[in-house]
Structure formats: C-alpha cells, structure tokens
Amino acid sequence: MKSGLRLGWIALSALALSLASTGAMAEKPDVTRIFGKIQIVDSFPDYKVKIVESFADLHVKHVDSFPDGPGKWQMVDTFPDYKIQFVDSFPDFTIKFVRSFPGKP
C-alpha cells in the first residue's frame, strides 16, 4: 500500500516537472519591463491585469509623454508597445494607479 502511494507522488512530481518545463505553469512577468505606449483591449492582450488598491505588483502612473521608465504608461489607440486587458480574476499581474513614484513598490 505504501509503495503505491509513493509511486503516485512520484508520478505527480513528474507531471509537475513536465508542465513547468513546457511553460504550462506560467510565471509572473518582469513588471519592471512593462512601460511605454499601452493600448487597452478587450481581447488578445499581451497581459491580463487586475487593478487593486493594495499589494500591487506594479505602481502605474499615466503620463502624456516620455513613458521611459518602469510604471510609466502612455495610453494610446494605435501602435502600442503592449496591449493590456483589465480583468477581475486570473491576472498576469496586478497594478495600482498612482500620482507619483511609479514602478516596483
């Protein structure tokens, strides 16, 4: 009985390793690299993002020009660097909109 349980754990571990190697177990992206011209879309985003008020992965500031650092987003309708879809569940990362000090909290 114990050997059957041990084989089950070994099989489960092997499955987890194979999923991790194929990318099925996704990691959070490096949010410090996500800045620039951002387009908000309803489908086919580069990233799915949830807006939160606390414990955000990234603090985001709207800028009108020079979106040249982590957390500085210039909203555009055409030719974006990244396409973002706002979601309520299963986000790739979370953001909080701020007026100052954008970037990693």
Protein backbone atom coordinates (compact mmCIF):
# COMPACT_ATOMS: atom_id res chain seq x y z
CA MET A 1 0.00 0.00 0.00
CA LYS A 2 2.80 2.42 0.89
CA SER A 3 4.68 1.72 -2.34
CA GLY A 4 1.55 2.55 -4.37
CA LEU A 5 1.25 5.88 -2.58
CA ARG A 6 4.93 6.58 -3.18
CA LEU A 7 4.51 5.81 -6.91
CA GLY A 8 1.56 8.22 -7.01
CA TRP A 9 3.67 11.03 -5.55
CA ILE A 10 6.48 10.27 -8.00
CA ALA A 11 4.05 10.41 -10.92
CA LEU A 12 2.58 13.69 -9.64
CA SER A 13 6.06 15.19 -9.25
CA ALA A 14 6.99 14.09 -12.78
CA LEU A 15 3.80 15.70 -14.13
CA ALA A 16 4.56 18.97 -12.34
CA LEU A 17 8.11 18.99 -13.72
CA SER A 18 6.89 18.34 -17.26
CA LEU A 19 4.30 21.12 -17.01
CA ALA A 20 6.93 23.52 -15.68
CA SER A 21 9.33 22.69 -18.49
CA THR A 22 6.67 23.24 -21.18
CA GLY A 23 5.61 26.58 -19.72
CA ALA A 24 2.13 25.42 -18.73
CA MET A 25 2.78 26.67 -15.19
CA ALA A 26 3.16 30.35 -16.02
CA GLU A 27 5.30 32.73 -14.01
CA LYS A 28 4.58 36.38 -13.41
CA PRO A 29 6.26 38.62 -15.97
CA ASP A 30 9.02 41.05 -15.01
CA VAL A 31 6.71 44.01 -14.47
CA THR A 32 9.59 46.49 -14.38
CA ARG A 33 9.96 45.99 -18.15
CA ILE A 34 6.32 46.83 -18.90
CA PHE A 35 6.25 50.53 -19.70
CA GLY A 36 5.75 52.69 -22.74
CA LYS A 37 2.76 53.05 -25.01
CA ILE A 38 -0.15 50.96 -23.70
CA GLN A 39 -3.38 50.10 -25.51
CA ILE A 40 -6.37 48.85 -23.53
CA VAL A 41 -8.07 45.98 -25.39
CA ASP A 42 -10.97 43.60 -24.82
CA SER A 43 -9.35 40.59 -26.47
CA PHE A 44 -5.96 39.20 -27.48
CA PRO A 45 -3.90 41.11 -24.86
CA ASP A 46 -0.21 40.74 -24.19
CA TYR A 47 -1.02 40.80 -20.48
CA LYS A 48 -4.13 40.48 -18.32
CA VAL A 49 -4.04 42.98 -15.46
CA LYS A 50 -6.11 43.46 -12.32
CA ILE A 51 -6.38 46.90 -10.70
CA VAL A 52 -6.01 46.75 -6.91
CA GLU A 53 -5.70 49.26 -4.07
CA SER A 54 -3.07 47.41 -2.03
CA PHE A 55 -0.24 44.93 -2.51
CA ALA A 56 0.15 45.65 -6.23
CA ASP A 57 2.93 44.14 -8.31
CA LEU A 58 3.44 47.48 -10.08
CA HIS A 59 2.57 51.11 -9.39
CA VAL A 60 1.46 52.79 -12.62
CA LYS A 61 1.41 56.49 -13.46
CA HIS A 62 -0.37 57.88 -16.54
CA VAL A 63 1.98 60.13 -18.49
CA ASP A 64 1.35 62.24 -21.59
CA SER A 65 4.89 61.90 -22.93
CA PHE A 66 8.18 60.10 -22.30
CA PRO A 67 6.91 56.79 -20.92
CA ASP A 68 10.52 55.78 -20.38
CA GLY A 69 10.63 54.01 -17.04
CA PRO A 70 9.01 51.26 -15.00
CA GLY A 71 5.36 52.03 -14.30
CA LYS A 72 5.09 54.97 -16.71
CA TRP A 73 2.26 54.24 -19.12
CA GLN A 74 1.13 56.45 -22.00
CA MET A 75 -2.32 55.35 -23.17
CA VAL A 76 -2.63 55.14 -26.95
CA ASP A 77 -5.12 53.85 -29.52
CA THR A 78 -2.60 52.79 -32.17
CA PHE A 79 0.91 51.35 -32.35
CA PRO A 80 1.22 50.20 -28.73
CA ASP A 81 4.26 48.65 -27.11
CA TYR A 82 1.92 46.42 -25.07
CA LYS A 83 -1.77 45.53 -25.17
CA ILE A 84 -3.44 45.27 -21.75
CA GLN A 85 -6.79 43.75 -20.83
CA PHE A 86 -8.26 44.61 -17.42
CA VAL A 87 -9.69 41.53 -15.68
CA ASP A 88 -11.22 40.68 -12.31
CA SER A 89 -9.73 37.20 -11.97
CA PHE A 90 -6.65 35.27 -13.07
CA PRO A 91 -4.44 38.28 -13.91
CA ASP A 92 -0.84 38.01 -15.08
CA PHE A 93 -0.02 40.75 -12.57
CA THR A 94 -1.71 43.48 -10.51
CA ILE A 95 -1.35 47.26 -10.69
CA LYS A 96 -2.23 50.30 -8.63
CA PHE A 97 -2.61 53.69 -10.30
CA VAL A 98 -0.55 56.36 -8.51
CA ARG A 99 0.17 60.07 -8.95
CA SER A 100 3.84 59.80 -8.03
CA PHE A 101 6.59 57.22 -7.59
CA PRO A 102 5.66 54.73 -10.32
CA GLY A 103 7.44 51.41 -10.59
CA LYS A 104 8.00 48.49 -8.29
CA PRO A 105 6.52 49.15 -4.83
